[in-house]
Amino acid sequence: MTQSPTFRALEQGPTYAAQMVTEAISTAPGTDWRRWYRRFAWSVVVFTVGVIVSGDLVQATESGAGCGESWPHCDGSLIPSIGDAHTAIEFTHRIATTALSFGFLGLLFGAWRVYGRDHPVWRAAVWAGVFLLVEILLGAVLVLFGWVEDDASWGRVIADVLHVVNTFVLVGTTIFVAWFAAGGQTFRIDRSRRTDRLLLGAGLAVVLIAITGTVNSLADTLALSDAVEIDKTPIAAILVSVRGIHPALAVLGGGAIFFVMIQLSDVASGTALKMLIAVQLVIAAQFIVGVLNIALLTPLETQIIHLVLADTLWILLLLLTARLLTSRVPEPAVP
């Protein structure tokens, strides 16, 4: 007697279910699965930004030790009793990171089954998974070494800087998963070309501004803490003394990126031109929010908006770069 698929699924369990899913993906029309994969990839991009914001919320509210110095457990258990707001914020961030990990597993599995290992989507998804793993490990290091809340040590400074750089790379690789899934072509930076140099400089400026912003945020956290005596804590004193670097660099760097967009307007058209204008608008909005952030003494609301705008600027700049470098037009002659 022939067994029904349902009976075999119940008998063989998850292995048979996974086999059925794999066969369904293999035999379904490719365009349908690729359309769903594109939507899923962009959903992961949005969710990644949300997780980054929740991580910033952890630092801004000094909730880094909300689960104690234990990882991956929270207060010694996988599901802790929520005793205060700090525990709730830190635990929520960890749950969101776990959910994001499953999302990246979905990106990897889908890239393998829908596009194959020779496609740029697969390579981008692998790199995105690697940088997500690094992101999780850096978060674990901060907790396990106690580099949270009122800690003022060079280890925390270095880990925070590595954290923000890896975050930008993580967002970038995830963006390129979605870009290649949507049919975008591969590209490379050619530093002999003016357009490429301008885009590379703009990207490096964004990352450098983000690094100084992270140091500035840490300095604000220590300066506002009742448990840290700035005069008696050399590292905290240094961080507080250089807080002016970030606003100055943000103004200069933001102005430079705005000027770069003007320079690139002669090689941009259609969607690329709209992205270019969007970058300029985000820079203007970021300047306004930055001024408010300083004037209002860095309230949580403006910090979150500031971070979201920074991520938006980075995403727009990457997409603009990809579009311009895959649809090159002859560059104007330089006199």
C-alpha atoms as a PDB file:
ATOM      1  CA  MET A   1       0.000   0.000   0.000  1.00  0.00           C
ATOM      2  CA  THR A   2       1.381   3.407  -1.013  1.00  0.00           C
ATOM      3  CA  GLN A   3       1.853   5.824   1.850  1.00  0.00           C
ATOM      4  CA  SER A   4       0.441   9.316   1.468  1.00  0.00           C
ATOM      5  CA  PRO A   5       2.820  12.320   1.631  1.00  0.00           C
ATOM      6  CA  THR A   6       1.163  13.394   4.879  1.00  0.00           C
ATOM      7  CA  PHE A   7       1.777   9.982   6.480  1.00  0.00           C
ATOM      8  CA  ARG A   8       5.416   9.973   5.356  1.00  0.00           C
ATOM      9  CA  ALA A   9       5.898  13.524   6.701  1.00  0.00           C
ATOM     10  CA  LEU A  10       4.553  12.454  10.096  1.00  0.00           C
ATOM     11  CA  GLU A  11       6.651   9.315  10.099  1.00  0.00           C
ATOM     12  CA  GLN A  12       9.970  10.800   9.000  1.00  0.00           C
ATOM     13  CA  GLY A  13       9.587  14.158  10.707  1.00  0.00           C
ATOM     14  CA  PRO A  14      11.611  17.306   9.916  1.00  0.00           C
ATOM     15  CA  THR A  15      13.963  15.574   7.468  1.00  0.00           C
ATOM     16  CA  TYR A  16      11.143  14.657   5.105  1.00  0.00           C
ATOM     17  CA  ALA A  17       9.556  18.098   5.500  1.00  0.00           C
ATOM     18  CA  ALA A  18      12.834  19.793   4.544  1.00  0.00           C
ATOM     19  CA  GLN A  19      13.140  17.480   1.525  1.00  0.00           C
ATOM     20  CA  MET A  20       9.634  18.409   0.383  1.00  0.00           C
ATOM     21  CA  VAL A  21      10.406  22.128   0.692  1.00  0.00           C
ATOM     22  CA  THR A  22      13.638  21.688  -1.267  1.00  0.00           C
ATOM     23  CA  GLU A  23      11.874  19.770  -4.057  1.00  0.00           C
ATOM     24  CA  ALA A  24       9.113  22.378  -4.199  1.00  0.00           C
ATOM     25  CA  ILE A  25      11.656  25.185  -4.603  1.00  0.00           C
ATOM     26  CA  SER A  26      13.550  23.212  -7.231  1.00  0.00           C
ATOM     27  CA  THR A  27      10.471  22.545  -9.371  1.00  0.00           C
ATOM     28  CA  ALA A  28       8.617  25.858  -8.903  1.00  0.00           C
ATOM     29  CA  PRO A  29       8.912  28.593 -11.540  1.00  0.00           C
ATOM     30  CA  GLY A  30      12.140  30.468 -10.844  1.00  0.00           C
ATOM     31  CA  THR A  31      10.662  33.920 -11.306  1.00  0.00           C
ATOM     32  CA  ASP A  32       8.099  33.362  -8.533  1.00  0.00           C
ATOM     33  CA  TRP A  33      10.679  32.221  -6.013  1.00  0.00           C
ATOM     34  CA  ARG A  34      13.058  34.985  -6.990  1.00  0.00           C
ATOM     35  CA  ARG A  35      10.317  37.578  -6.512  1.00  0.00           C
ATOM     36  CA  TRP A  36       9.594  36.235  -3.023  1.00  0.00           C
ATOM     37  CA  TYR A  37      13.305  36.095  -2.231  1.00  0.00           C
ATOM     38  CA  ARG A  38      13.732  39.767  -3.220  1.00  0.00           C
ATOM     39  CA  ARG A  39      10.924  40.774  -0.891  1.00  0.00           C
ATOM     40  CA  PHE A  40      12.365  38.659   1.895  1.00  0.00           C
ATOM     41  CA  ALA A  41      15.838  40.155   1.391  1.00  0.00           C
ATOM     42  CA  TRP A  42      14.530  43.709   1.699  1.00  0.00           C
ATOM     43  CA  SER A  43      12.559  42.678   4.792  1.00  0.00           C
ATOM     44  CA  VAL A  44      15.793  41.416   6.343  1.00  0.00           C
ATOM     45  CA  VAL A  45      17.460  44.749   5.508  1.00  0.00           C
ATOM     46  CA  VAL A  46      14.716  46.666   7.323  1.00  0.00           C
ATOM     47  CA  PHE A  47      14.780  44.293  10.271  1.00  0.00           C
ATOM     48  CA  THR A  48      18.575  44.582  10.467  1.00  0.00           C
ATOM     49  CA  VAL A  49      18.256  48.350  10.860  1.00  0.00           C
ATOM     50  CA  GLY A  50      15.648  47.765  13.567  1.00  0.00           C
ATOM     51  CA  VAL A  51      18.025  45.487  15.480  1.00  0.00           C
ATOM     52  CA  ILE A  52      20.793  48.093  15.172  1.00  0.00           C
ATOM     53  CA  VAL A  53      18.456  50.719  16.611  1.00  0.00           C
ATOM     54  CA  SER A  54      17.568  48.405  19.495  1.00  0.00           C
ATOM     55  CA  GLY A  55      21.293  47.985  20.178  1.00  0.00           C
ATOM     56  CA  ASP A  56      21.716  51.756  20.312  1.00  0.00           C
ATOM     57  CA  LEU A  57      18.762  51.862  22.691  1.00  0.00           C
ATOM     58  CA  VAL A  58      20.612  49.414  24.963  1.00  0.00           C
ATOM     59  CA  GLN A  59      23.626  51.745  25.227  1.00  0.00           C
ATOM     60  CA  ALA A  60      21.597  54.966  25.472  1.00  0.00           C
ATOM     61  CA  THR A  61      19.589  53.593  28.404  1.00  0.00           C
ATOM     62  CA  GLU A  62      22.660  51.972  30.035  1.00  0.00           C
ATOM     63  CA  SER A  63      21.001  48.564  29.766  1.00  0.00           C
ATOM     64  CA  GLY A  64      24.066  46.666  28.579  1.00  0.00           C
ATOM     65  CA  ALA A  65      24.261  44.799  31.879  1.00  0.00           C
ATOM     66  CA  GLY A  66      20.514  44.199  32.029  1.00  0.00           C
ATOM     67  CA  CYS A  67      21.136  40.460  31.737  1.00  0.00           C
ATOM     68  CA  GLY A  68      24.194  40.470  33.958  1.00  0.00           C
ATOM     69  CA  GLU A  69      27.594  39.304  32.741  1.00  0.00           C
ATOM     70  CA  SER A  70      26.180  36.153  31.148  1.00  0.00           C
ATOM     71  CA  TRP A  71      25.765  35.265  27.490  1.00  0.00           C
ATOM     72  CA  PRO A  72      23.811  33.767  25.746  1.00  0.00           C
ATOM     73  CA  HIS A  73      21.826  33.306  28.959  1.00  0.00           C
ATOM     74  CA  CYS A  74      20.122  36.288  30.544  1.00  0.00           C
ATOM     75  CA  ASP A  75      20.476  36.359  34.323  1.00  0.00           C
ATOM     76  CA  GLY A  76      21.423  32.693  34.193  1.00  0.00           C
ATOM     77  CA  SER A  77      18.431  31.487  32.178  1.00  0.00           C
ATOM     78  CA  LEU A  78      17.255  31.536  28.579  1.00  0.00           C
ATOM     79  CA  ILE A  79      13.981  33.231  29.544  1.00  0.00           C
ATOM     80  CA  PRO A  80      14.583  35.468  32.564  1.00  0.00           C
ATOM     81  CA  SER A  81      12.062  37.049  34.858  1.00  0.00           C
ATOM     82  CA  ILE A  82      11.782  40.683  33.771  1.00  0.00           C
ATOM     83  CA  GLY A  83      12.559  42.564  36.961  1.00  0.00           C
ATOM     84  CA  ASP A  84      13.269  46.030  35.565  1.00  0.00           C
ATOM     85  CA  ALA A  85      13.355  48.061  32.374  1.00  0.00           C
ATOM     86  CA  HIS A  86      17.079  47.438  31.797  1.00  0.00           C
ATOM     87  CA  THR A  87      16.566  43.676  31.709  1.00  0.00           C
ATOM     88  CA  ALA A  88      13.569  44.069  29.387  1.00  0.00           C
ATOM     89  CA  ILE A  89      15.523  46.257  26.942  1.00  0.00           C
ATOM     90  CA  GLU A  90      18.608  44.023  26.853  1.00  0.00           C
ATOM     91  CA  PHE A  91      16.585  40.814  26.592  1.00  0.00           C
ATOM     92  CA  THR A  92      14.434  42.277  23.801  1.00  0.00           C
ATOM     93  CA  HIS A  93      17.578  43.180  21.886  1.00  0.00           C
ATOM     94  CA  ARG A  94      18.891  39.635  22.261  1.00  0.00           C
ATOM     95  CA  ILE A  95      15.588  38.165  21.088  1.00  0.00           C
ATOM     96  CA  ALA A  96      15.616  40.491  18.068  1.00  0.00           C
ATOM     97  CA  THR A  97      19.198  39.434  17.259  1.00  0.00           C
ATOM     98  CA  THR A  98      18.193  35.771  17.480  1.00  0.00           C
ATOM     99  CA  ALA A  99      15.256  36.372  15.128  1.00  0.00           C
ATOM    100  CA  LEU A 100      17.610  38.197  12.743  1.00  0.00           C
ATOM    101  CA  SER A 101      19.932  35.175  12.779  1.00  0.00           C
ATOM    102  CA  PHE A 102      17.089  32.990  11.523  1.00  0.00           C
ATOM    103  CA  GLY A 103      16.403  35.581   8.861  1.00  0.00           C
ATOM    104  CA  PHE A 104      19.992  35.322   7.647  1.00  0.00           C
ATOM    105  CA  LEU A 105      19.756  31.538   7.613  1.00  0.00           C
ATOM    106  CA  GLY A 106      16.730  32.005   5.365  1.00  0.00           C
ATOM    107  CA  LEU A 107      18.779  34.273   3.096  1.00  0.00           C
ATOM    108  CA  LEU A 108      21.508  31.647   2.841  1.00  0.00           C
ATOM    109  CA  PHE A 109      19.138  28.745   2.193  1.00  0.00           C
ATOM    110  CA  GLY A 110      17.143  30.719  -0.368  1.00  0.00           C
ATOM    111  CA  ALA A 111      20.275  31.936  -2.160  1.00  0.00           C
ATOM    112  CA  TRP A 112      21.546  28.368  -2.399  1.00  0.00           C
ATOM    113  CA  ARG A 113      18.304  26.831  -3.653  1.00  0.00           C
ATOM    114  CA  VAL A 114      16.938  29.670  -5.813  1.00  0.00           C
ATOM    115  CA  TYR A 115      20.113  31.158  -7.304  1.00  0.00           C
ATOM    116  CA  GLY A 116      22.860  28.564  -6.845  1.00  0.00           C
ATOM    117  CA  ARG A 117      26.378  28.873  -5.542  1.00  0.00           C
ATOM    118  CA  ASP A 118      27.735  30.531  -8.675  1.00  0.00           C
ATOM    119  CA  HIS A 119      25.418  33.527  -8.354  1.00  0.00           C
ATOM    120  CA  PRO A 120      26.461  36.824  -6.680  1.00  0.00           C
ATOM    121  CA  VAL A 121      23.431  36.525  -4.373  1.00  0.00           C
ATOM    122  CA  TRP A 122      24.934  33.428  -2.754  1.00  0.00           C
ATOM    123  CA  ARG A 123      28.336  35.041  -2.253  1.00  0.00           C
ATOM    124  CA  ALA A 124      26.791  38.191  -0.790  1.00  0.00           C
ATOM    125  CA  ALA A 125      24.584  36.123   1.532  1.00  0.00           C
ATOM    126  CA  VAL A 126      27.609  34.157   2.777  1.00  0.00           C
ATOM    127  CA  TRP A 127      29.518  37.348   3.556  1.00  0.00           C
ATOM    128  CA  ALA A 128      26.455  38.827   5.247  1.00  0.00           C
ATOM    129  CA  GLY A 129      26.217  35.729   7.430  1.00  0.00           C
ATOM    130  CA  VAL A 130      29.905  36.018   8.354  1.00  0.00           C
ATOM    131  CA  PHE A 131      29.560  39.649   9.413  1.00  0.00           C
ATOM    132  CA  LEU A 132      26.396  38.869  11.386  1.00  0.00           C
ATOM    133  CA  LEU A 133      28.369  36.226  13.282  1.00  0.00           C
ATOM    134  CA  VAL A 134      31.114  38.770  13.991  1.00  0.00           C
ATOM    135  CA  GLU A 135      28.445  41.234  15.149  1.00  0.00           C
ATOM    136  CA  ILE A 136      27.024  38.701  17.602  1.00  0.00           C
ATOM    137  CA  LEU A 137      30.480  37.789  18.906  1.00  0.00           C
ATOM    138  CA  LEU A 138      31.378  41.454  19.455  1.00  0.00           C
ATOM    139  CA  GLY A 139      28.161  41.926  21.416  1.00  0.00           C
ATOM    140  CA  ALA A 140      29.003  38.865  23.500  1.00  0.00           C
ATOM    141  CA  VAL A 141      32.520  40.194  24.170  1.00  0.00           C
ATOM    142  CA  LEU A 142      31.120  43.496  25.454  1.00  0.00           C
ATOM    143  CA  VAL A 143      28.890  41.636  27.908  1.00  0.00           C
ATOM    144  CA  LEU A 144      31.334  38.944  29.031  1.00  0.00           C
ATOM    145  CA  PHE A 145      34.150  41.440  29.693  1.00  0.00           C
ATOM    146  CA  GLY A 146      31.811  43.842  31.453  1.00  0.00           C
ATOM    147  CA  TRP A 147      32.390  46.615  28.898  1.00  0.00           C
ATOM    148  CA  VAL A 148      28.919  48.053  29.435  1.00  0.00           C
ATOM    149  CA  GLU A 149      27.105  50.695  31.462  1.00  0.00           C
ATOM    150  CA  ASP A 150      29.692  52.726  33.443  1.00  0.00           C
ATOM    151  CA  ASP A 151      32.813  50.877  32.290  1.00  0.00           C
ATOM    152  CA  ALA A 152      35.545  53.231  31.076  1.00  0.00           C
ATOM    153  CA  SER A 153      38.293  51.148  29.485  1.00  0.00           C
ATOM    154  CA  TRP A 154      40.227  51.077  26.229  1.00  0.00           C
ATOM    155  CA  GLY A 155      38.854  47.597  25.617  1.00  0.00           C
ATOM    156  CA  ARG A 156      35.349  49.016  25.499  1.00  0.00           C
ATOM    157  CA  VAL A 157      36.411  51.863  23.210  1.00  0.00           C
ATOM    158  CA  ILE A 158      38.083  49.469  20.751  1.00  0.00           C
ATOM    159  CA  ALA A 159      35.193  46.991  20.868  1.00  0.00           C
ATOM    160  CA  ASP A 160      32.650  49.764  20.274  1.00  0.00           C
ATOM    161  CA  VAL A 161      34.608  51.066  17.267  1.00  0.00           C
ATOM    162  CA  LEU A 162      34.916  47.571  15.791  1.00  0.00           C
ATOM    163  CA  HIS A 163      31.219  47.082  16.484  1.00  0.00           C
ATOM    164  CA  VAL A 164      30.118  50.143  14.502  1.00  0.00           C
ATOM    165  CA  VAL A 165      32.460  49.380  11.568  1.00  0.00           C
ATOM    166  CA  ASN A 166      31.221  45.795  11.403  1.00  0.00           C
ATOM    167  CA  THR A 167      27.627  47.042  11.607  1.00  0.00           C
ATOM    168  CA  PHE A 168      28.113  49.209   8.532  1.00  0.00           C
ATOM    169  CA  VAL A 169      29.739  46.336   6.644  1.00  0.00           C
ATOM    170  CA  LEU A 170      26.904  44.022   7.725  1.00  0.00           C
ATOM    171  CA  VAL A 171      24.268  46.432   6.439  1.00  0.00           C
ATOM    172  CA  GLY A 172      26.263  46.836   3.222  1.00  0.00           C
ATOM    173  CA  THR A 173      26.521  43.118   2.478  1.00  0.00           C
ATOM    174  CA  THR A 174      22.819  42.655   3.262  1.00  0.00           C
ATOM    175  CA  ILE A 175      21.974  45.492   0.886  1.00  0.00           C
ATOM    176  CA  PHE A 176      23.970  43.789  -1.850  1.00  0.00           C
ATOM    177  CA  VAL A 177      22.078  40.529  -1.271  1.00  0.00           C
ATOM    178  CA  ALA A 178      18.898  42.438  -2.100  1.00  0.00           C
ATOM    179  CA  TRP A 179      20.625  44.315  -4.945  1.00  0.00           C
ATOM    180  CA  PHE A 180      21.832  41.161  -6.707  1.00  0.00           C
ATOM    181  CA  ALA A 181      18.518  39.397  -6.023  1.00  0.00           C
ATOM    182  CA  ALA A 182      16.766  42.240  -7.852  1.00  0.00           C
ATOM    183  CA  GLY A 183      18.955  41.643 -10.908  1.00  0.00           C
ATOM    184  CA  GLY A 184      21.683  44.135 -10.105  1.00  0.00           C
ATOM    185  CA  GLN A 185      25.036  43.546 -11.743  1.00  0.00           C
ATOM    186  CA  THR A 186      28.384  43.095 -10.045  1.00  0.00           C
ATOM    187  CA  PHE A 187      30.783  46.025 -10.054  1.00  0.00           C
ATOM    188  CA  ARG A 188      34.174  47.101  -8.772  1.00  0.00           C
ATOM    189  CA  ILE A 189      35.801  50.340  -7.704  1.00  0.00           C
ATOM    190  CA  ASP A 190      38.221  51.738 -10.276  1.00  0.00           C
ATOM    191  CA  ARG A 191      40.225  54.414  -8.488  1.00  0.00           C
ATOM    192  CA  SER A 192      41.502  55.792 -11.780  1.00  0.00           C
ATOM    193  CA  ARG A 193      37.997  57.105 -12.484  1.00  0.00           C
ATOM    194  CA  ARG A 194      36.706  60.336 -10.970  1.00  0.00           C
ATOM    195  CA  THR A 195      33.240  58.959 -10.181  1.00  0.00           C
ATOM    196  CA  ASP A 196      34.650  55.978  -8.329  1.00  0.00           C
ATOM    197  CA  ARG A 197      37.008  58.136  -6.272  1.00  0.00           C
ATOM    198  CA  LEU A 198      34.197  60.484  -5.284  1.00  0.00           C
ATOM    199  CA  LEU A 199      31.913  57.625  -4.235  1.00  0.00           C
ATOM    200  CA  LEU A 200      34.706  55.892  -2.323  1.00  0.00           C
ATOM    201  CA  GLY A 201      35.544  59.116  -0.501  1.00  0.00           C
ATOM    202  CA  ALA A 202      31.889  59.689   0.405  1.00  0.00           C
ATOM    203  CA  GLY A 203      31.578  56.163   1.780  1.00  0.00           C
ATOM    204  CA  LEU A 204      34.738  56.461   3.880  1.00  0.00           C
ATOM    205  CA  ALA A 205      33.510  59.812   5.215  1.00  0.00           C
ATOM    206  CA  VAL A 206      30.244  58.249   6.395  1.00  0.00           C
ATOM    207  CA  VAL A 207      32.082  55.442   8.209  1.00  0.00           C
ATOM    208  CA  LEU A 208      34.567  57.862   9.823  1.00  0.00           C
ATOM    209  CA  ILE A 209      31.730  60.112  11.027  1.00  0.00           C
ATOM    210  CA  ALA A 210      29.977  57.037  12.462  1.00  0.00           C
ATOM    211  CA  ILE A 211      33.127  55.995  14.344  1.00  0.00           C
ATOM    212  CA  THR A 212      33.520  59.420  15.964  1.00  0.00           C
ATOM    213  CA  GLY A 213      29.788  59.391  16.705  1.00  0.00           C
ATOM    214  CA  THR A 214      30.163  56.099  18.577  1.00  0.00           C
ATOM    215  CA  VAL A 215      33.035  57.488  20.634  1.00  0.00           C
ATOM    216  CA  ASN A 216      30.968  60.611  21.268  1.00  0.00           C
ATOM    217  CA  SER A 217      27.988  58.540  22.414  1.00  0.00           C
ATOM    218  CA  LEU A 218      30.195  56.609  24.832  1.00  0.00           C
ATOM    219  CA  ALA A 219      31.605  59.876  26.179  1.00  0.00           C
ATOM    220  CA  ASP A 220      28.076  61.206  26.743  1.00  0.00           C
ATOM    221  CA  THR A 221      27.114  58.018  28.570  1.00  0.00           C
ATOM    222  CA  LEU A 222      30.095  58.299  30.915  1.00  0.00           C
ATOM    223  CA  ALA A 223      29.685  62.048  31.430  1.00  0.00           C
ATOM    224  CA  LEU A 224      26.038  61.666  32.457  1.00  0.00           C
ATOM    225  CA  SER A 225      26.710  58.695  34.736  1.00  0.00           C
ATOM    226  CA  ASP A 226      26.661  59.272  38.485  1.00  0.00           C
ATOM    227  CA  ALA A 227      29.035  56.336  38.990  1.00  0.00           C
ATOM    228  CA  VAL A 228      31.896  57.788  36.929  1.00  0.00           C
ATOM    229  CA  GLU A 229      34.095  60.607  38.254  1.00  0.00           C
ATOM    230  CA  ILE A 230      35.479  62.136  35.084  1.00  0.00           C
ATOM    231  CA  ASP A 231      38.397  63.876  36.817  1.00  0.00           C
ATOM    232  CA  LYS A 232      39.533  60.609  38.384  1.00  0.00           C
ATOM    233  CA  THR A 233      39.002  58.416  35.319  1.00  0.00           C
ATOM    234  CA  PRO A 234      41.683  59.154  32.674  1.00  0.00           C
ATOM    235  CA  ILE A 235      39.978  57.358  29.788  1.00  0.00           C
ATOM    236  CA  ALA A 236      36.641  59.011  30.485  1.00  0.00           C
ATOM    237  CA  ALA A 237      38.375  62.394  30.725  1.00  0.00           C
ATOM    238  CA  ILE A 238      40.001  61.873  27.310  1.00  0.00           C
ATOM    239  CA  LEU A 239      36.731  60.806  25.697  1.00  0.00           C
ATOM    240  CA  VAL A 240      34.855  63.765  27.138  1.00  0.00           C
ATOM    241  CA  SER A 241      37.597  66.187  26.072  1.00  0.00           C
ATOM    242  CA  VAL A 242      37.351  65.126  22.404  1.00  0.00           C
ATOM    243  CA  ARG A 243      33.558  65.251  22.149  1.00  0.00           C
ATOM    244  CA  GLY A 244      33.819  68.275  19.869  1.00  0.00           C
ATOM    245  CA  ILE A 245      35.510  66.229  17.135  1.00  0.00           C
ATOM    246  CA  HIS A 246      32.321  64.447  16.059  1.00  0.00           C
ATOM    247  CA  PRO A 247      30.131  67.536  15.499  1.00  0.00           C
ATOM    248  CA  ALA A 248      32.954  69.271  13.635  1.00  0.00           C
ATOM    249  CA  LEU A 249      33.693  66.226  11.484  1.00  0.00           C
ATOM    250  CA  ALA A 250      29.981  65.663  10.867  1.00  0.00           C
ATOM    251  CA  VAL A 251      29.577  69.221   9.556  1.00  0.00           C
ATOM    252  CA  LEU A 252      32.716  69.073   7.402  1.00  0.00           C
ATOM    253  CA  GLY A 253      32.124  65.505   6.214  1.00  0.00           C
ATOM    254  CA  GLY A 254      28.425  66.051   5.587  1.00  0.00           C
ATOM    255  CA  GLY A 255      29.202  69.190   3.603  1.00  0.00           C
ATOM    256  CA  ALA A 256      31.829  67.300   1.604  1.00  0.00           C
ATOM    257  CA  ILE A 257      29.378  64.484   0.793  1.00  0.00           C
ATOM    258  CA  PHE A 258      26.764  67.068  -0.228  1.00  0.00           C
ATOM    259  CA  PHE A 259      29.336  68.645  -2.554  1.00  0.00           C
ATOM    260  CA  VAL A 260      30.253  65.200  -3.938  1.00  0.00           C
ATOM    261  CA  MET A 261      26.604  64.660  -4.845  1.00  0.00           C
ATOM    262  CA  ILE A 262      26.641  67.930  -6.782  1.00  0.00           C
ATOM    263  CA  GLN A 263      29.775  66.783  -8.617  1.00  0.00           C
ATOM    264  CA  LEU A 264      28.106  63.456  -9.476  1.00  0.00           C
ATOM    265  CA  SER A 265      24.974  65.056 -10.891  1.00  0.00           C
ATOM    266  CA  ASP A 266      26.576  65.167 -14.340  1.00  0.00           C
ATOM    267  CA  VAL A 267      26.789  61.348 -14.486  1.00  0.00           C
ATOM    268  CA  ALA A 268      23.472  60.550 -12.766  1.00  0.00           C
ATOM    269  CA  SER A 269      20.059  60.293 -14.350  1.00  0.00           C
ATOM    270  CA  GLY A 270      16.693  58.678 -13.673  1.00  0.00           C
ATOM    271  CA  THR A 271      16.665  56.619 -10.480  1.00  0.00           C
ATOM    272  CA  ALA A 272      20.302  57.424  -9.728  1.00  0.00           C
ATOM    273  CA  LEU A 273      19.537  61.139  -9.795  1.00  0.00           C
ATOM    274  CA  LYS A 274      16.614  60.630  -7.400  1.00  0.00           C
ATOM    275  CA  MET A 275      18.903  58.695  -5.036  1.00  0.00           C
ATOM    276  CA  LEU A 276      21.462  61.473  -5.269  1.00  0.00           C
ATOM    277  CA  ILE A 277      18.865  64.067  -4.252  1.00  0.00           C
ATOM    278  CA  ALA A 278      17.667  61.779  -1.458  1.00  0.00           C
ATOM    279  CA  VAL A 279      21.233  61.605  -0.095  1.00  0.00           C
ATOM    280  CA  GLN A 280      21.368  65.409  -0.002  1.00  0.00           C
ATOM    281  CA  LEU A 281      18.006  65.607   1.787  1.00  0.00           C
ATOM    282  CA  VAL A 282      19.101  63.054   4.401  1.00  0.00           C
ATOM    283  CA  ILE A 283      22.325  65.014   5.013  1.00  0.00           C
ATOM    284  CA  ALA A 284      20.274  68.196   5.557  1.00  0.00           C
ATOM    285  CA  ALA A 285      17.920  66.362   7.934  1.00  0.00           C
ATOM    286  CA  GLN A 286      20.887  64.827   9.767  1.00  0.00           C
ATOM    287  CA  PHE A 287      22.383  68.284  10.286  1.00  0.00           C
ATOM    288  CA  ILE A 288      19.132  69.585  11.807  1.00  0.00           C
ATOM    289  CA  VAL A 289      18.743  66.560  14.087  1.00  0.00           C
ATOM    290  CA  GLY A 290      22.396  66.800  15.122  1.00  0.00           C
ATOM    291  CA  VAL A 291      21.932  70.415  16.206  1.00  0.00           C
ATOM    292  CA  LEU A 292      18.800  69.484  18.147  1.00  0.00           C
ATOM    293  CA  ASN A 293      20.628  66.557  19.725  1.00  0.00           C
ATOM    294  CA  ILE A 294      23.305  68.878  21.115  1.00  0.00           C
ATOM    295  CA  ALA A 295      20.904  71.666  22.087  1.00  0.00           C
ATOM    296  CA  LEU A 296      18.597  69.276  23.964  1.00  0.00           C
ATOM    297  CA  LEU A 297      21.524  67.450  25.648  1.00  0.00           C
ATOM    298  CA  THR A 298      21.221  64.206  23.658  1.00  0.00           C
ATOM    299  CA  PRO A 299      17.717  62.970  24.536  1.00  0.00           C
ATOM    300  CA  LEU A 300      16.912  59.375  23.588  1.00  0.00           C
ATOM    301  CA  GLU A 301      14.436  60.356  20.859  1.00  0.00           C
ATOM    302  CA  THR A 302      16.886  62.462  18.856  1.00  0.00           C
ATOM    303  CA  GLN A 303      19.616  59.819  19.282  1.00  0.00           C
ATOM    304  CA  ILE A 304      17.373  57.202  17.698  1.00  0.00           C
ATOM    305  CA  ILE A 305      16.381  59.504  14.815  1.00  0.00           C
ATOM    306  CA  HIS A 306      20.054  60.401  14.344  1.00  0.00           C
ATOM    307  CA  LEU A 307      20.986  56.708  14.046  1.00  0.00           C
ATOM    308  CA  VAL A 308      18.134  55.872  11.662  1.00  0.00           C
ATOM    309  CA  LEU A 309      19.156  58.759   9.397  1.00  0.00           C
ATOM    310  CA  ALA A 310      22.779  57.565   9.464  1.00  0.00           C
ATOM    311  CA  ASP A 311      21.722  54.066   8.380  1.00  0.00           C
ATOM    312  CA  THR A 312      19.441  55.540   5.716  1.00  0.00           C
ATOM    313  CA  LEU A 313      22.296  57.665   4.367  1.00  0.00           C
ATOM    314  CA  TRP A 314      24.578  54.622   4.223  1.00  0.00           C
ATOM    315  CA  ILE A 315      21.978  52.496   2.407  1.00  0.00           C
ATOM    316  CA  LEU A 316      21.222  55.228  -0.133  1.00  0.00           C
ATOM    317  CA  LEU A 317      24.914  55.820  -0.763  1.00  0.00           C
ATOM    318  CA  LEU A 318      25.570  52.115  -1.366  1.00  0.00           C
ATOM    319  CA  LEU A 319      22.630  51.787  -3.747  1.00  0.00           C
ATOM    320  CA  LEU A 320      23.689  54.951  -5.574  1.00  0.00           C
ATOM    321  CA  THR A 321      27.212  53.559  -5.893  1.00  0.00           C
ATOM    322  CA  ALA A 322      25.950  50.249  -7.253  1.00  0.00           C
ATOM    323  CA  ARG A 323      23.668  51.955  -9.760  1.00  0.00           C
ATOM    324  CA  LEU A 324      26.256  54.439 -11.014  1.00  0.00           C
ATOM    325  CA  LEU A 325      29.037  51.877 -11.348  1.00  0.00           C
ATOM    326  CA  THR A 326      26.874  49.375 -13.222  1.00  0.00           C
ATOM    327  CA  SER A 327      25.488  51.931 -15.666  1.00  0.00           C
ATOM    328  CA  ARG A 328      28.572  53.945 -16.457  1.00  0.00           C
ATOM    329  CA  VAL A 329      28.379  56.868 -18.818  1.00  0.00           C
ATOM    330  CA  PRO A 330      31.380  58.663 -20.318  1.00  0.00           C
ATOM    331  CA  GLU A 331      32.823  61.075 -17.797  1.00  0.00           C
ATOM    332  CA  PRO A 332      33.123  64.728 -18.768  1.00  0.00           C
ATOM    333  CA  ALA A 333      36.570  65.882 -19.801  1.00  0.00           C
ATOM    334  CA  VAL A 334      38.564  67.515 -17.020  1.00  0.00           C
ATOM    335  CA  PRO A 335      40.253  70.711 -18.262  1.00  0.00           C
END
